[in-house]
Amino acid sequence: MEPRGLKRRERGRFARALFFGAALFLSACAAAPKSELVIQPSPQRLATQQVVGDSIIASLGGAAVTVRWLPAPGVERYFASRPGLVSPWPAEVWREAPPTVFLVRVRNQTPEEIQFDPTLAALVTQHGLRQRPVSYEEFYQRLEGLESAGARLLSLQATLFSRFVVIPPGGQREGLLVFPSLAPAVKHLLVEFASFFVGGRNAPGLFEFQVLRQQPK
């Protein structure tokens, strides 16, 4: 039978080994730099679409539609350039679960009315996972109670594409489509407009993007 003191010493060595092992593991995790997500246009398959800088410009039934991803600094600049508006998302949201934000511009160059339902848009991954835009009502539930919630919600009301849109001939509209955070395995995305009508004729759009993850500089 082993002496009681020897058993206590062995248990102590085991506990210290576990502690230092856990500390080394946590230190390694903390030291690992978090990659930065970048979403860029992919080469477009359709002749009616072209890539211009960070934007994809398409002709949908004669209407000019531009889609561009906005990173966190781009979102800040977007709201800072609009008097009276503030960025709706606190800094901790960008750190923990950054939303996927696209700026959409629609210019009606046709003699007919455009009808666009952004609630039927979708963000589709290479695995076929489809996500709808986050609605204003969902944002209301998440942001209500935060500091400056009123100003944040008013800014979303002014900029979010979350209601049926009608654009007369010669008119134009601009707004944000906001989707949930992307999973780490996502590499390719399609922004899909399933309900985009010009003069009563559906002219759906597909905008292709690639997802890059870069180490911070």
Protein backbone atom coordinates (compact mmCIF):
# COMPACT_ATOMS: atom_id res chain seq x y z
CA MET A 1 0.00 0.00 0.00
CA GLU A 2 1.45 3.41 -1.03
CA PRO A 3 2.08 6.03 1.66
CA ARG A 4 -0.62 8.70 1.86
CA GLY A 5 1.93 11.50 1.49
CA LEU A 6 3.25 10.07 -1.78
CA LYS A 7 -0.23 10.04 -3.26
CA ARG A 8 -0.77 13.67 -2.29
CA ARG A 9 2.55 14.68 -3.94
CA GLU A 10 1.58 12.83 -7.16
CA ARG A 11 -1.83 14.50 -7.22
CA GLY A 12 -0.13 17.87 -6.72
CA ARG A 13 2.27 17.30 -9.63
CA PHE A 14 -0.66 16.23 -11.83
CA ALA A 15 -2.71 19.33 -10.92
CA ARG A 16 0.27 21.63 -11.61
CA ALA A 17 0.85 19.95 -14.98
CA LEU A 18 -2.80 20.46 -15.92
CA PHE A 19 -2.67 24.10 -14.86
CA PHE A 20 0.47 24.94 -16.84
CA GLY A 21 -0.75 22.97 -19.85
CA ALA A 22 -4.04 24.88 -19.84
CA ALA A 23 -2.17 28.17 -19.42
CA LEU A 24 0.06 27.41 -22.41
CA PHE A 25 -2.99 26.47 -24.51
CA LEU A 26 -4.84 29.67 -23.61
CA SER A 27 -1.73 31.76 -24.28
CA ALA A 28 -1.37 30.20 -27.72
CA CYS A 29 -5.03 30.89 -28.50
CA ALA A 30 -4.68 34.49 -27.36
CA ALA A 31 -1.54 34.96 -29.41
CA ALA A 32 -3.08 33.60 -32.62
CA PRO A 33 -4.07 36.64 -34.72
CA LYS A 34 -7.66 36.77 -35.85
CA SER A 35 -8.02 36.86 -39.62
CA GLU A 36 -9.77 39.77 -41.29
CA LEU A 37 -12.66 38.98 -43.61
CA VAL A 38 -12.75 40.60 -47.05
CA ILE A 39 -15.53 40.11 -49.59
CA GLN A 40 -14.62 40.93 -53.19
CA PRO A 41 -16.44 40.58 -56.52
CA SER A 42 -15.75 37.35 -58.38
CA PRO A 43 -15.50 37.22 -62.18
CA GLN A 44 -19.09 37.52 -63.39
CA ARG A 45 -20.57 34.87 -65.66
CA LEU A 46 -23.20 37.07 -67.31
CA ALA A 47 -22.40 39.53 -70.09
CA THR A 48 -24.87 42.03 -68.57
CA GLN A 49 -22.68 42.36 -65.45
CA GLN A 50 -19.26 43.90 -64.92
CA VAL A 51 -16.89 44.46 -62.01
CA VAL A 52 -15.85 48.06 -61.37
CA GLY A 53 -13.49 48.34 -58.40
CA ASP A 54 -15.21 46.76 -55.41
CA SER A 55 -18.66 46.93 -57.02
CA ILE A 56 -20.67 44.74 -59.35
CA ILE A 57 -22.82 46.65 -61.83
CA ALA A 58 -25.61 44.82 -63.65
CA SER A 59 -28.34 45.67 -66.12
CA LEU A 60 -31.57 44.04 -64.92
CA GLY A 61 -34.30 44.59 -67.47
CA GLY A 62 -32.65 47.87 -68.43
CA ALA A 63 -32.26 49.09 -64.84
CA ALA A 64 -28.73 49.79 -63.54
CA VAL A 65 -28.11 47.91 -60.28
CA THR A 66 -24.90 48.24 -58.25
CA VAL A 67 -24.01 45.94 -55.33
CA ARG A 68 -20.98 46.46 -53.09
CA TRP A 69 -19.89 44.89 -49.81
CA LEU A 70 -19.18 47.30 -46.94
CA PRO A 71 -16.59 46.41 -44.26
CA ALA A 72 -16.84 47.98 -40.81
CA PRO A 73 -14.90 51.16 -41.80
CA GLY A 74 -17.06 51.47 -44.92
CA VAL A 75 -20.22 51.26 -42.82
CA GLU A 76 -18.89 53.96 -40.50
CA ARG A 77 -18.10 56.25 -43.47
CA TYR A 78 -21.50 55.55 -45.02
CA PHE A 79 -23.38 56.76 -41.95
CA ALA A 80 -20.94 59.57 -41.17
CA SER A 81 -21.61 61.06 -44.62
CA ARG A 82 -25.33 61.30 -43.89
CA PRO A 83 -26.22 64.16 -41.53
CA GLY A 84 -28.23 63.12 -38.50
CA LEU A 85 -27.48 59.40 -38.83
CA VAL A 86 -25.28 57.18 -36.67
CA SER A 87 -23.85 53.71 -37.18
CA PRO A 88 -26.50 51.31 -35.81
CA TRP A 89 -24.09 48.65 -34.55
CA PRO A 90 -21.98 49.04 -31.40
CA ALA A 91 -18.26 48.24 -31.63
CA GLU A 92 -18.68 44.97 -29.72
CA VAL A 93 -21.05 43.67 -32.42
CA TRP A 94 -18.32 44.08 -35.05
CA ARG A 95 -15.87 42.23 -32.79
CA GLU A 96 -18.15 39.33 -31.84
CA ALA A 97 -20.57 38.77 -34.74
CA PRO A 98 -20.05 41.29 -37.56
CA PRO A 99 -23.04 41.65 -39.88
CA THR A 100 -22.59 41.12 -43.61
CA VAL A 101 -23.56 44.45 -45.19
CA PHE A 102 -24.13 45.20 -48.87
CA LEU A 103 -24.86 48.62 -50.34
CA VAL A 104 -27.39 48.41 -53.18
CA ARG A 105 -28.13 51.20 -55.68
CA VAL A 106 -30.94 50.94 -58.24
CA ARG A 107 -31.28 53.48 -61.05
CA ASN A 108 -34.34 53.24 -63.27
CA GLN A 109 -33.22 54.09 -66.79
CA THR A 110 -36.34 52.58 -68.34
CA PRO A 111 -39.70 54.16 -69.23
CA GLU A 112 -41.43 51.68 -66.91
CA GLU A 113 -41.88 51.28 -63.18
CA ILE A 114 -39.54 49.08 -61.12
CA GLN A 115 -40.85 46.95 -58.27
CA PHE A 116 -38.27 45.38 -55.97
CA ASP A 117 -38.97 43.24 -52.90
CA PRO A 118 -35.73 43.18 -50.84
CA THR A 119 -37.25 40.82 -48.26
CA LEU A 120 -37.03 38.08 -50.93
CA ALA A 121 -33.34 38.70 -51.59
CA ALA A 122 -30.96 35.99 -50.39
CA LEU A 123 -27.31 35.44 -49.58
CA VAL A 124 -26.33 31.98 -50.86
CA THR A 125 -23.09 30.19 -49.93
CA GLN A 126 -21.17 27.65 -52.02
CA HIS A 127 -22.83 24.95 -49.89
CA GLY A 128 -26.32 26.12 -50.87
CA LEU A 129 -27.13 27.70 -47.50
CA ARG A 130 -29.60 30.55 -48.05
CA GLN A 131 -30.08 33.45 -45.68
CA ARG A 132 -32.63 36.23 -45.89
CA PRO A 133 -31.79 39.83 -44.96
CA VAL A 134 -32.22 40.76 -41.33
CA SER A 135 -35.48 42.71 -41.01
CA TYR A 136 -35.97 46.01 -39.20
CA GLU A 137 -38.18 44.22 -36.67
CA GLU A 138 -35.35 41.84 -35.82
CA PHE A 139 -32.93 44.73 -35.40
CA TYR A 140 -35.45 46.49 -33.17
CA GLN A 141 -35.53 43.50 -30.82
CA ARG A 142 -31.72 43.32 -30.71
CA LEU A 143 -30.98 47.03 -30.33
CA GLU A 144 -33.83 48.09 -28.05
CA GLY A 145 -32.45 48.95 -24.66
CA LEU A 146 -28.93 49.75 -25.85
CA GLU A 147 -27.41 53.18 -25.37
CA SER A 148 -28.64 55.56 -28.09
CA ALA A 149 -31.08 52.89 -29.32
CA GLY A 150 -33.45 55.55 -30.70
CA ALA A 151 -30.80 57.11 -32.95
CA ARG A 152 -29.56 53.68 -34.06
CA LEU A 153 -33.06 52.52 -35.01
CA LEU A 154 -33.86 55.77 -36.84
CA SER A 155 -30.66 55.35 -38.86
CA LEU A 156 -31.73 51.83 -39.83
CA GLN A 157 -35.20 53.05 -40.81
CA ALA A 158 -33.60 55.63 -43.10
CA THR A 159 -31.16 53.26 -44.83
CA LEU A 160 -32.30 49.63 -44.59
CA PHE A 161 -33.87 47.94 -47.62
CA SER A 162 -36.58 46.08 -45.72
CA ARG A 163 -39.83 47.14 -47.42
CA PHE A 164 -41.30 46.75 -50.90
CA VAL A 165 -39.70 49.37 -53.19
CA VAL A 166 -41.30 51.13 -56.17
CA ILE A 167 -39.06 53.27 -58.40
CA PRO A 168 -40.66 55.42 -61.14
CA PRO A 169 -38.96 56.03 -64.51
CA GLY A 170 -35.89 58.22 -64.03
CA GLY A 171 -35.84 57.56 -60.29
CA GLN A 172 -33.22 55.90 -58.14
CA ARG A 173 -32.99 54.34 -54.67
CA GLU A 174 -30.14 53.33 -52.44
CA GLY A 175 -30.16 51.17 -49.34
CA LEU A 176 -28.48 48.47 -47.29
CA LEU A 177 -29.08 44.74 -47.30
CA VAL A 178 -27.81 43.26 -44.04
CA PHE A 179 -27.27 39.53 -43.53
CA PRO A 180 -26.00 37.56 -40.50
CA SER A 181 -22.32 36.82 -39.91
CA LEU A 182 -20.60 34.36 -42.21
CA ALA A 183 -19.43 30.93 -41.08
CA PRO A 184 -15.64 30.36 -41.29
CA ALA A 185 -16.01 27.80 -44.10
CA VAL A 186 -17.74 30.22 -46.51
CA LYS A 187 -15.61 31.02 -49.56
CA HIS A 188 -18.11 31.98 -52.27
CA LEU A 189 -21.32 33.99 -52.12
CA LEU A 190 -24.22 34.88 -54.37
CA VAL A 191 -26.39 37.91 -53.66
CA GLU A 192 -29.68 36.91 -55.26
CA PHE A 193 -32.55 39.20 -56.22
CA ALA A 194 -35.49 36.88 -56.85
CA SER A 195 -38.20 39.56 -57.05
CA PHE A 196 -37.09 42.43 -59.28
CA PHE A 197 -39.74 43.52 -61.77
CA VAL A 198 -39.43 46.07 -64.58
CA GLY A 199 -42.76 46.95 -66.17
CA GLY A 200 -44.32 43.79 -64.73
CA ARG A 201 -41.58 41.49 -66.07
CA ASN A 202 -39.31 39.73 -63.59
CA ALA A 203 -35.61 40.43 -64.16
CA PRO A 204 -33.85 38.51 -61.34
CA GLY A 205 -30.22 39.23 -60.52
CA LEU A 206 -27.24 37.19 -59.28
CA PHE A 207 -24.12 38.93 -57.99
CA GLU A 208 -21.09 36.71 -57.33
CA PHE A 209 -18.54 37.40 -54.58
CA GLN A 210 -15.55 35.61 -53.11
CA VAL A 211 -14.64 35.56 -49.42
CA LEU A 212 -11.01 36.06 -48.40
CA ARG A 213 -9.55 35.85 -44.92
CA GLN A 214 -6.36 37.80 -44.43
CA GLN A 215 -4.04 38.06 -41.45
CA PRO A 216 -4.15 41.53 -39.90
CA LYS A 217 -1.19 43.74 -40.75
